[in-house]
Amino acid sequence: MRADAVIVRITEFGWFKRRDLDNIAKPILDAMQGIAYGNDLQVRDLRVRWEPIAGSFQALHMSPLVALAFSRGDESLWIRVDTHPTDLDLTR
């Protein structure tokens, strides 16, 4: 568990968009405390999106379990936590 600032990316894959994106993030961030980071105050960048499960995707290094879920059309969440860069470039 790190004390560094983090970036969290959450993608919900589903058949229908059922809720506001901001309502997806809070319970996930709370649940990951003590697992992916110490406290959700460490989250400096949060990106939440919804994608239709019937969409076209390119995936690298997908586990067999995830590949099976995608092939069956199972709704799912994809969550990634990365260390936040220390050099924030505001010129872009």
PDB file of N, CA and C in Angstrom:
ATOM      1  N   MET A   1       0.841  -1.169   0.000  1.00  0.00           N
ATOM      2  CA  MET A   1       0.000   0.000   0.000  1.00  0.00           C
ATOM      3  C   MET A   1       0.889   1.236   0.000  1.00  0.00           C
ATOM      4  N   ARG A   2       0.599   2.159  -0.912  1.00  0.00           N
ATOM      5  CA  ARG A   2       1.446   3.335  -1.072  1.00  0.00           C
ATOM      6  C   ARG A   2       0.767   4.573  -0.498  1.00  0.00           C
ATOM      7  N   ALA A   3       1.568   5.561  -0.156  1.00  0.00           N
ATOM      8  CA  ALA A   3       1.051   6.846   0.302  1.00  0.00           C
ATOM      9  C   ALA A   3       1.104   7.880  -0.807  1.00  0.00           C
ATOM     10  N   ASP A   4       1.506   7.458  -2.006  1.00  0.00           N
ATOM     11  CA  ASP A   4       1.616   8.373  -3.141  1.00  0.00           C
ATOM     12  C   ASP A   4       0.234   8.810  -3.634  1.00  0.00           C
ATOM     13  N   ALA A   5       0.227   9.937  -4.340  1.00  0.00           N
ATOM     14  CA  ALA A   5      -0.989  10.358  -5.021  1.00  0.00           C
ATOM     15  C   ALA A   5      -1.244   9.390  -6.180  1.00  0.00           C
ATOM     16  N   VAL A   6      -2.512   9.118  -6.475  1.00  0.00           N
ATOM     17  CA  VAL A   6      -2.849   8.137  -7.507  1.00  0.00           C
ATOM     18  C   VAL A   6      -3.852   8.696  -8.516  1.00  0.00           C
ATOM     19  N   ILE A   7      -3.851   8.038  -9.669  1.00  0.00           N
ATOM     20  CA  ILE A   7      -4.857   8.242 -10.711  1.00  0.00           C
ATOM     21  C   ILE A   7      -5.719   6.984 -10.725  1.00  0.00           C
ATOM     22  N   VAL A   8      -7.033   7.140 -10.734  1.00  0.00           N
ATOM     23  CA  VAL A   8      -7.945   5.995 -10.798  1.00  0.00           C
ATOM     24  C   VAL A   8      -8.786   6.130 -12.054  1.00  0.00           C
ATOM     25  N   ARG A   9      -8.804   5.048 -12.836  1.00  0.00           N
ATOM     26  CA  ARG A   9      -9.637   4.991 -14.036  1.00  0.00           C
ATOM     27  C   ARG A   9     -10.657   3.876 -13.850  1.00  0.00           C
ATOM     28  N   ILE A  10     -11.923   4.215 -14.036  1.00  0.00           N
ATOM     29  CA  ILE A  10     -13.012   3.244 -13.877  1.00  0.00           C
ATOM     30  C   ILE A  10     -13.833   3.256 -15.160  1.00  0.00           C
ATOM     31  N   THR A  11     -14.027   2.083 -15.744  1.00  0.00           N
ATOM     32  CA  THR A  11     -14.911   1.956 -16.907  1.00  0.00           C
ATOM     33  C   THR A  11     -15.950   0.893 -16.583  1.00  0.00           C
ATOM     34  N   GLU A  12     -17.195   1.252 -16.740  1.00  0.00           N
ATOM     35  CA  GLU A  12     -18.285   0.294 -16.584  1.00  0.00           C
ATOM     36  C   GLU A  12     -18.691  -0.156 -17.983  1.00  0.00           C
ATOM     37  N   PHE A  13     -18.649  -1.459 -18.224  1.00  0.00           N
ATOM     38  CA  PHE A  13     -19.110  -2.034 -19.481  1.00  0.00           C
ATOM     39  C   PHE A  13     -20.493  -2.615 -19.224  1.00  0.00           C
ATOM     40  N   GLY A  14     -21.493  -2.131 -19.948  1.00  0.00           N
ATOM     41  CA  GLY A  14     -22.847  -2.608 -19.717  1.00  0.00           C
ATOM     42  C   GLY A  14     -23.700  -2.510 -20.967  1.00  0.00           C
ATOM     43  N   TRP A  15     -24.881  -3.074 -20.874  1.00  0.00           N
ATOM     44  CA  TRP A  15     -25.818  -3.029 -22.001  1.00  0.00           C
ATOM     45  C   TRP A  15     -26.542  -1.693 -22.038  1.00  0.00           C
ATOM     46  N   PHE A  16     -26.863  -1.154 -20.865  1.00  0.00           N
ATOM     47  CA  PHE A  16     -27.573   0.116 -20.780  1.00  0.00           C
ATOM     48  C   PHE A  16     -26.919   0.974 -19.702  1.00  0.00           C
ATOM     49  N   LYS A  17     -26.848   2.269 -19.946  1.00  0.00           N
ATOM     50  CA  LYS A  17     -26.335   3.184 -18.932  1.00  0.00           C
ATOM     51  C   LYS A  17     -27.454   3.403 -17.921  1.00  0.00           C
ATOM     52  N   ARG A  18     -27.246   2.912 -16.695  1.00  0.00           N
ATOM     53  CA  ARG A  18     -28.316   2.905 -15.701  1.00  0.00           C
ATOM     54  C   ARG A  18     -28.197   3.998 -14.642  1.00  0.00           C
ATOM     55  N   ARG A  19     -27.033   4.601 -14.525  1.00  0.00           N
ATOM     56  CA  ARG A  19     -26.859   5.562 -13.439  1.00  0.00           C
ATOM     57  C   ARG A  19     -25.865   6.644 -13.856  1.00  0.00           C
ATOM     58  N   ASP A  20     -25.861   7.706 -13.086  1.00  0.00           N
ATOM     59  CA  ASP A  20     -24.897   8.772 -13.326  1.00  0.00           C
ATOM     60  C   ASP A  20     -23.496   8.262 -13.031  1.00  0.00           C
ATOM     61  N   LEU A  21     -22.525   8.703 -13.815  1.00  0.00           N
ATOM     62  CA  LEU A  21     -21.152   8.243 -13.640  1.00  0.00           C
ATOM     63  C   LEU A  21     -20.590   8.595 -12.266  1.00  0.00           C
ATOM     64  N   ASP A  22     -20.971   9.752 -11.735  1.00  0.00           N
ATOM     65  CA  ASP A  22     -20.436  10.127 -10.429  1.00  0.00           C
ATOM     66  C   ASP A  22     -20.917   9.188  -9.321  1.00  0.00           C
ATOM     67  N   ASN A  23     -22.055   8.540  -9.515  1.00  0.00           N
ATOM     68  CA  ASN A  23     -22.557   7.594  -8.515  1.00  0.00           C
ATOM     69  C   ASN A  23     -21.816   6.257  -8.553  1.00  0.00           C
ATOM     70  N   ILE A  24     -21.126   5.969  -9.645  1.00  0.00           N
ATOM     71  CA  ILE A  24     -20.345   4.737  -9.755  1.00  0.00           C
ATOM     72  C   ILE A  24     -19.068   4.842  -8.927  1.00  0.00           C
ATOM     73  N   ALA A  25     -18.436   6.008  -8.940  1.00  0.00           N
ATOM     74  CA  ALA A  25     -17.094   6.164  -8.383  1.00  0.00           C
ATOM     75  C   ALA A  25     -17.020   6.025  -6.862  1.00  0.00           C
ATOM     76  N   LYS A  26     -17.890   6.665  -6.118  1.00  0.00           N
ATOM     77  CA  LYS A  26     -17.739   6.727  -4.657  1.00  0.00           C
ATOM     78  C   LYS A  26     -17.652   5.364  -3.984  1.00  0.00           C
ATOM     79  N   PRO A  27     -18.578   4.434  -4.214  1.00  0.00           N
ATOM     80  CA  PRO A  27     -18.456   3.143  -3.530  1.00  0.00           C
ATOM     81  C   PRO A  27     -17.212   2.352  -3.944  1.00  0.00           C
ATOM     82  N   ILE A  28     -16.772   2.516  -5.181  1.00  0.00           N
ATOM     83  CA  ILE A  28     -15.565   1.826  -5.637  1.00  0.00           C
ATOM     84  C   ILE A  28     -14.338   2.401  -4.952  1.00  0.00           C
ATOM     85  N   LEU A  29     -14.238   3.729  -4.919  1.00  0.00           N
ATOM     86  CA  LEU A  29     -13.096   4.369  -4.258  1.00  0.00           C
ATOM     87  C   LEU A  29     -13.045   4.008  -2.777  1.00  0.00           C
ATOM     88  N   ASP A  30     -14.193   3.997  -2.120  1.00  0.00           N
ATOM     89  CA  ASP A  30     -14.241   3.629  -0.702  1.00  0.00           C
ATOM     90  C   ASP A  30     -13.823   2.175  -0.495  1.00  0.00           C
ATOM     91  N   ALA A  31     -14.262   1.291  -1.366  1.00  0.00           N
ATOM     92  CA  ALA A  31     -13.953  -0.137  -1.228  1.00  0.00           C
ATOM     93  C   ALA A  31     -12.473  -0.438  -1.456  1.00  0.00           C
ATOM     94  N   MET A  32     -11.799   0.377  -2.257  1.00  0.00           N
ATOM     95  CA  MET A  32     -10.388   0.119  -2.561  1.00  0.00           C
ATOM     96  C   MET A  32      -9.434   0.693  -1.521  1.00  0.00           C
ATOM     97  N   GLN A  33      -9.962   1.447  -0.536  1.00  0.00           N
ATOM     98  CA  GLN A  33      -9.110   1.969   0.524  1.00  0.00           C
ATOM     99  C   GLN A  33      -8.503   0.809   1.311  1.00  0.00           C
ATOM    100  N   GLY A  34      -7.223   0.898   1.551  1.00  0.00           N
ATOM    101  CA  GLY A  34      -6.531  -0.154   2.274  1.00  0.00           C
ATOM    102  C   GLY A  34      -6.095  -1.310   1.390  1.00  0.00           C
ATOM    103  N   ILE A  35      -6.495  -1.287   0.121  1.00  0.00           N
ATOM    104  CA  ILE A  35      -6.112  -2.335  -0.830  1.00  0.00           C
ATOM    105  C   ILE A  35      -5.211  -1.749  -1.915  1.00  0.00           C
ATOM    106  N   ALA A  36      -5.729  -0.769  -2.654  1.00  0.00           N
ATOM    107  CA  ALA A  36      -4.968  -0.151  -3.743  1.00  0.00           C
ATOM    108  C   ALA A  36      -4.262   1.119  -3.289  1.00  0.00           C
ATOM    109  N   TYR A  37      -4.745   1.727  -2.224  1.00  0.00           N
ATOM    110  CA  TYR A  37      -4.159   2.926  -1.640  1.00  0.00           C
ATOM    111  C   TYR A  37      -4.640   3.010  -0.202  1.00  0.00           C
ATOM    112  N   GLY A  38      -3.977   3.838   0.582  1.00  0.00           N
ATOM    113  CA  GLY A  38      -4.330   3.931   1.995  1.00  0.00           C
ATOM    114  C   GLY A  38      -5.651   4.642   2.238  1.00  0.00           C
ATOM    115  N   ASN A  39      -5.860   5.768   1.535  1.00  0.00           N
ATOM    116  CA  ASN A  39      -7.041   6.588   1.746  1.00  0.00           C
ATOM    117  C   ASN A  39      -7.434   7.203   0.409  1.00  0.00           C
ATOM    118  N   ASP A  40      -8.740   7.338   0.169  1.00  0.00           N
ATOM    119  CA  ASP A  40      -9.147   7.890  -1.119  1.00  0.00           C
ATOM    120  C   ASP A  40      -8.818   9.381  -1.266  1.00  0.00           C
ATOM    121  N   LEU A  41      -8.290   9.997  -0.211  1.00  0.00           N
ATOM    122  CA  LEU A  41      -7.762  11.358  -0.340  1.00  0.00           C
ATOM    123  C   LEU A  41      -6.534  11.392  -1.245  1.00  0.00           C
ATOM    124  N   GLN A  42      -5.909  10.235  -1.472  1.00  0.00           N
ATOM    125  CA  GLN A  42      -4.744  10.140  -2.353  1.00  0.00           C
ATOM    126  C   GLN A  42      -5.121  10.243  -3.834  1.00  0.00           C
ATOM    127  N   VAL A  43      -6.401  10.098  -4.161  1.00  0.00           N
ATOM    128  CA  VAL A  43      -6.848  10.146  -5.557  1.00  0.00           C
ATOM    129  C   VAL A  43      -6.769  11.589  -6.039  1.00  0.00           C
ATOM    130  N   ARG A  44      -5.844  11.858  -6.950  1.00  0.00           N
ATOM    131  CA  ARG A  44      -5.637  13.203  -7.495  1.00  0.00           C
ATOM    132  C   ARG A  44      -6.279  13.361  -8.862  1.00  0.00           C
ATOM    133  N   ASP A  45      -6.539  12.248  -9.539  1.00  0.00           N
ATOM    134  CA  ASP A  45      -7.127  12.277 -10.878  1.00  0.00           C
ATOM    135  C   ASP A  45      -8.088  11.105 -10.958  1.00  0.00           C
ATOM    136  N   LEU A  46      -9.337  11.374 -11.323  1.00  0.00           N
ATOM    137  CA  LEU A  46     -10.357  10.334 -11.396  1.00  0.00           C
ATOM    138  C   LEU A  46     -11.035  10.421 -12.750  1.00  0.00           C
ATOM    139  N   ARG A  47     -11.051   9.295 -13.454  1.00  0.00           N
ATOM    140  CA  ARG A  47     -11.713   9.228 -14.760  1.00  0.00           C
ATOM    141  C   ARG A  47     -12.719   8.086 -14.718  1.00  0.00           C
ATOM    142  N   VAL A  48     -13.980   8.418 -14.933  1.00  0.00           N
ATOM    143  CA  VAL A  48     -15.059   7.428 -14.904  1.00  0.00           C
ATOM    144  C   VAL A  48     -15.803   7.507 -16.220  1.00  0.00           C
ATOM    145  N   ARG A  49     -16.042   6.341 -16.824  1.00  0.00           N
ATOM    146  CA  ARG A  49     -16.777   6.327 -18.084  1.00  0.00           C
ATOM    147  C   ARG A  49     -17.614   5.064 -18.193  1.00  0.00           C
ATOM    148  N   TRP A  50     -18.579   5.117 -19.091  1.00  0.00           N
ATOM    149  CA  TRP A  50     -19.423   3.975 -19.405  1.00  0.00           C
ATOM    150  C   TRP A  50     -19.220   3.640 -20.868  1.00  0.00           C
ATOM    151  N   GLU A  51     -19.121   2.347 -21.157  1.00  0.00           N
ATOM    152  CA  GLU A  51     -18.990   1.873 -22.540  1.00  0.00           C
ATOM    153  C   GLU A  51     -20.011   0.767 -22.774  1.00  0.00           C
ATOM    154  N   PRO A  52     -20.649   0.760 -23.941  1.00  0.00           N
ATOM    155  CA  PRO A  52     -21.591  -0.325 -24.232  1.00  0.00           C
ATOM    156  C   PRO A  52     -20.846  -1.654 -24.388  1.00  0.00           C
ATOM    157  N   ILE A  53     -21.355  -2.680 -23.777  1.00  0.00           N
ATOM    158  CA  ILE A  53     -20.711  -3.997 -23.820  1.00  0.00           C
ATOM    159  C   ILE A  53     -20.691  -4.546 -25.244  1.00  0.00           C
ATOM    160  N   ALA A  54     -21.578  -4.074 -26.094  1.00  0.00           N
ATOM    161  CA  ALA A  54     -21.626  -4.545 -27.479  1.00  0.00           C
ATOM    162  C   ALA A  54     -20.656  -3.781 -28.374  1.00  0.00           C
ATOM    163  N   GLY A  55     -19.860  -2.891 -27.793  1.00  0.00           N
ATOM    164  CA  GLY A  55     -18.923  -2.102 -28.578  1.00  0.00           C
ATOM    165  C   GLY A  55     -17.738  -2.920 -29.057  1.00  0.00           C
ATOM    166  N   SER A  56     -16.885  -2.277 -29.817  1.00  0.00           N
ATOM    167  CA  SER A  56     -15.675  -2.904 -30.325  1.00  0.00           C
ATOM    168  C   SER A  56     -14.500  -2.435 -29.468  1.00  0.00           C
ATOM    169  N   PHE A  57     -13.678  -3.370 -28.985  1.00  0.00           N
ATOM    170  CA  PHE A  57     -12.585  -3.045 -28.083  1.00  0.00           C
ATOM    171  C   PHE A  57     -11.290  -3.685 -28.551  1.00  0.00           C
ATOM    172  N   GLN A  58     -10.204  -3.033 -28.229  1.00  0.00           N
ATOM    173  CA  GLN A  58      -8.889  -3.619 -28.440  1.00  0.00           C
ATOM    174  C   GLN A  58      -8.274  -3.794 -27.059  1.00  0.00           C
ATOM    175  N   ALA A  59      -7.892  -5.016 -26.737  1.00  0.00           N
ATOM    176  CA  ALA A  59      -7.339  -5.297 -25.413  1.00  0.00           C
ATOM    177  C   ALA A  59      -6.046  -6.084 -25.548  1.00  0.00           C
ATOM    178  N   LEU A  60      -5.073  -5.711 -24.752  1.00  0.00           N
ATOM    179  CA  LEU A  60      -3.799  -6.421 -24.709  1.00  0.00           C
ATOM    180  C   LEU A  60      -3.666  -7.114 -23.361  1.00  0.00           C
ATOM    181  N   HIS A  61      -3.105  -8.304 -23.363  1.00  0.00           N
ATOM    182  CA  HIS A  61      -2.806  -9.038 -22.123  1.00  0.00           C
ATOM    183  C   HIS A  61      -4.060  -9.294 -21.286  1.00  0.00           C
ATOM    184  N   MET A  62      -5.145  -9.670 -21.934  1.00  0.00           N
ATOM    185  CA  MET A  62      -6.394  -9.954 -21.240  1.00  0.00           C
ATOM    186  C   MET A  62      -6.346 -11.360 -20.651  1.00  0.00           C
ATOM    187  N   SER A  63      -6.759 -11.484 -19.406  1.00  0.00           N
ATOM    188  CA  SER A  63      -6.776 -12.798 -18.777  1.00  0.00           C
ATOM    189  C   SER A  63      -7.885 -13.647 -19.398  1.00  0.00           C
ATOM    190  N   PRO A  64      -7.764 -14.964 -19.325  1.00  0.00           N
ATOM    191  CA  PRO A  64      -8.808 -15.837 -19.871  1.00  0.00           C
ATOM    192  C   PRO A  64     -10.178 -15.585 -19.230  1.00  0.00           C
ATOM    193  N   LEU A  65     -10.201 -15.266 -17.945  1.00  0.00           N
ATOM    194  CA  LEU A  65     -11.467 -15.009 -17.255  1.00  0.00           C
ATOM    195  C   LEU A  65     -12.145 -13.747 -17.806  1.00  0.00           C
ATOM    196  N   VAL A  66     -11.365 -12.704 -18.024  1.00  0.00           N
ATOM    197  CA  VAL A  66     -11.922 -11.469 -18.580  1.00  0.00           C
ATOM    198  C   VAL A  66     -12.356 -11.694 -20.026  1.00  0.00           C
ATOM    199  N   ALA A  67     -11.571 -12.410 -20.802  1.00  0.00           N
ATOM    200  CA  ALA A  67     -11.934 -12.708 -22.186  1.00  0.00           C
ATOM    201  C   ALA A  67     -13.253 -13.478 -22.257  1.00  0.00           C
ATOM    202  N   LEU A  68     -13.440 -14.433 -21.358  1.00  0.00           N
ATOM    203  CA  LEU A  68     -14.686 -15.199 -21.319  1.00  0.00           C
ATOM    204  C   LEU A  68     -15.871 -14.286 -20.995  1.00  0.00           C
ATOM    205  N   ALA A  69     -15.712 -13.398 -20.031  1.00  0.00           N
ATOM    206  CA  ALA A  69     -16.790 -12.478 -19.663  1.00  0.00           C
ATOM    207  C   ALA A  69     -17.163 -11.577 -20.832  1.00  0.00           C
ATOM    208  N   PHE A  70     -16.152 -11.047 -21.537  1.00  0.00           N
ATOM    209  CA  PHE A  70     -16.441 -10.213 -22.707  1.00  0.00           C
ATOM    210  C   PHE A  70     -17.140 -11.015 -23.796  1.00  0.00           C
ATOM    211  N   SER A  71     -16.690 -12.218 -24.046  1.00  0.00           N
ATOM    212  CA  SER A  71     -17.296 -13.016 -25.115  1.00  0.00           C
ATOM    213  C   SER A  71     -18.744 -13.388 -24.804  1.00  0.00           C
ATOM    214  N   ARG A  72     -19.081 -13.505 -23.510  1.00  0.00           N
ATOM    215  CA  ARG A  72     -20.466 -13.816 -23.106  1.00  0.00           C
ATOM    216  C   ARG A  72     -21.329 -12.568 -22.997  1.00  0.00           C
ATOM    217  N   GLY A  73     -20.699 -11.384 -23.027  1.00  0.00           N
ATOM    218  CA  GLY A  73     -21.457 -10.142 -22.879  1.00  0.00           C
ATOM    219  C   GLY A  73     -21.794  -9.814 -21.446  1.00  0.00           C
ATOM    220  N   ASP A  74     -20.991 -10.309 -20.504  1.00  0.00           N
ATOM    221  CA  ASP A  74     -21.228 -10.018 -19.095  1.00  0.00           C
ATOM    222  C   ASP A  74     -20.901  -8.562 -18.785  1.00  0.00           C
ATOM    223  N   GLU A  75     -21.776  -7.899 -18.066  1.00  0.00           N
ATOM    224  CA  GLU A  75     -21.495  -6.539 -17.632  1.00  0.00           C
ATOM    225  C   GLU A  75     -20.378  -6.581 -16.601  1.00  0.00           C
ATOM    226  N   SER A  76     -19.510  -5.569 -16.606  1.00  0.00           N
ATOM    227  CA  SER A  76     -18.349  -5.611 -15.724  1.00  0.00           C
ATOM    228  C   SER A  76     -17.776  -4.217 -15.510  1.00  0.00           C
ATOM    229  N   LEU A  77     -16.846  -4.151 -14.570  1.00  0.00           N
ATOM    230  CA  LEU A  77     -16.089  -2.937 -14.300  1.00  0.00           C
ATOM    231  C   LEU A  77     -14.628  -3.197 -14.601  1.00  0.00           C
ATOM    232  N   TRP A  78     -13.957  -2.200 -15.160  1.00  0.00           N
ATOM    233  CA  TRP A  78     -12.510  -2.234 -15.353  1.00  0.00           C
ATOM    234  C   TRP A  78     -11.974  -1.091 -14.519  1.00  0.00           C
ATOM    235  N   ILE A  79     -11.049  -1.401 -13.618  1.00  0.00           N
ATOM    236  CA  ILE A  79     -10.500  -0.396 -12.714  1.00  0.00           C
ATOM    237  C   ILE A  79      -8.986  -0.459 -12.780  1.00  0.00           C
ATOM    238  N   ARG A  80      -8.376   0.708 -12.924  1.00  0.00           N
ATOM    239  CA  ARG A  80      -6.915   0.775 -12.945  1.00  0.00           C
ATOM    240  C   ARG A  80      -6.466   1.896 -12.016  1.00  0.00           C
ATOM    241  N   VAL A  81      -5.458   1.590 -11.191  1.00  0.00           N
ATOM    242  CA  VAL A  81      -4.880   2.577 -10.283  1.00  0.00           C
ATOM    243  C   VAL A  81      -3.403   2.719 -10.627  1.00  0.00           C
ATOM    244  N   ASP A  82      -2.984   3.948 -10.899  1.00  0.00           N
ATOM    245  CA  ASP A  82      -1.584   4.250 -11.224  1.00  0.00           C
ATOM    246  C   ASP A  82      -1.083   5.355 -10.303  1.00  0.00           C
ATOM    247  N   THR A  83       0.216   5.405 -10.135  1.00  0.00           N
ATOM    248  CA  THR A  83       0.824   6.505  -9.402  1.00  0.00           C
ATOM    249  C   THR A  83       0.658   7.794 -10.200  1.00  0.00           C
ATOM    250  N   HIS A  84       0.279   8.844  -9.528  1.00  0.00           N
ATOM    251  CA  HIS A  84       0.098  10.149 -10.169  1.00  0.00           C
ATOM    252  C   HIS A  84       1.469  10.740 -10.482  1.00  0.00           C
ATOM    253  N   PRO A  85       1.651  11.276 -11.690  1.00  0.00           N
ATOM    254  CA  PRO A  85       2.954  11.865 -12.020  1.00  0.00           C
ATOM    255  C   PRO A  85       3.216  13.104 -11.158  1.00  0.00           C
ATOM    256  N   THR A  86       4.470  13.293 -10.800  1.00  0.00           N
ATOM    257  CA  THR A  86       4.811  14.444  -9.967  1.00  0.00           C
ATOM    258  C   THR A  86       4.997  15.717 -10.782  1.00  0.00           C
ATOM    259  N   ASP A  87       5.244  15.575 -12.071  1.00  0.00           N
ATOM    260  CA  ASP A  87       5.464  16.750 -12.907  1.00  0.00           C
ATOM    261  C   ASP A  87       4.222  17.020 -13.762  1.00  0.00           C
ATOM    262  N   LEU A  88       3.352  17.834 -13.271  1.00  0.00           N
ATOM    263  CA  LEU A  88       2.113  18.159 -13.950  1.00  0.00           C
ATOM    264  C   LEU A  88       2.370  19.278 -14.960  1.00  0.00           C
ATOM    265  N   ASP A  89       2.208  18.969 -16.229  1.00  0.00           N
ATOM    266  CA  ASP A  89       2.436  19.927 -17.304  1.00  0.00           C
ATOM    267  C   ASP A  89       1.094  20.560 -17.691  1.00  0.00           C
ATOM    268  N   LEU A  90       0.921  21.823 -17.367  1.00  0.00           N
ATOM    269  CA  LEU A  90      -0.341  22.513 -17.660  1.00  0.00           C
ATOM    270  C   LEU A  90      -0.346  23.204 -19.017  1.00  0.00           C
ATOM    271  N   THR A  91       0.728  23.006 -19.794  1.00  0.00           N
ATOM    272  CA  THR A  91       0.797  23.659 -21.101  1.00  0.00           C
ATOM    273  C   THR A  91       0.061  22.885 -22.177  1.00  0.00           C
ATOM    274  N   ARG A  92      -0.300  21.645 -21.924  1.00  0.00           N
ATOM    275  CA  ARG A  92      -1.009  20.835 -22.931  1.00  0.00           C
ATOM    276  C   ARG A  92      -2.470  21.033 -22.861  1.00  0.00           C
TER     277      ARG A  92
END
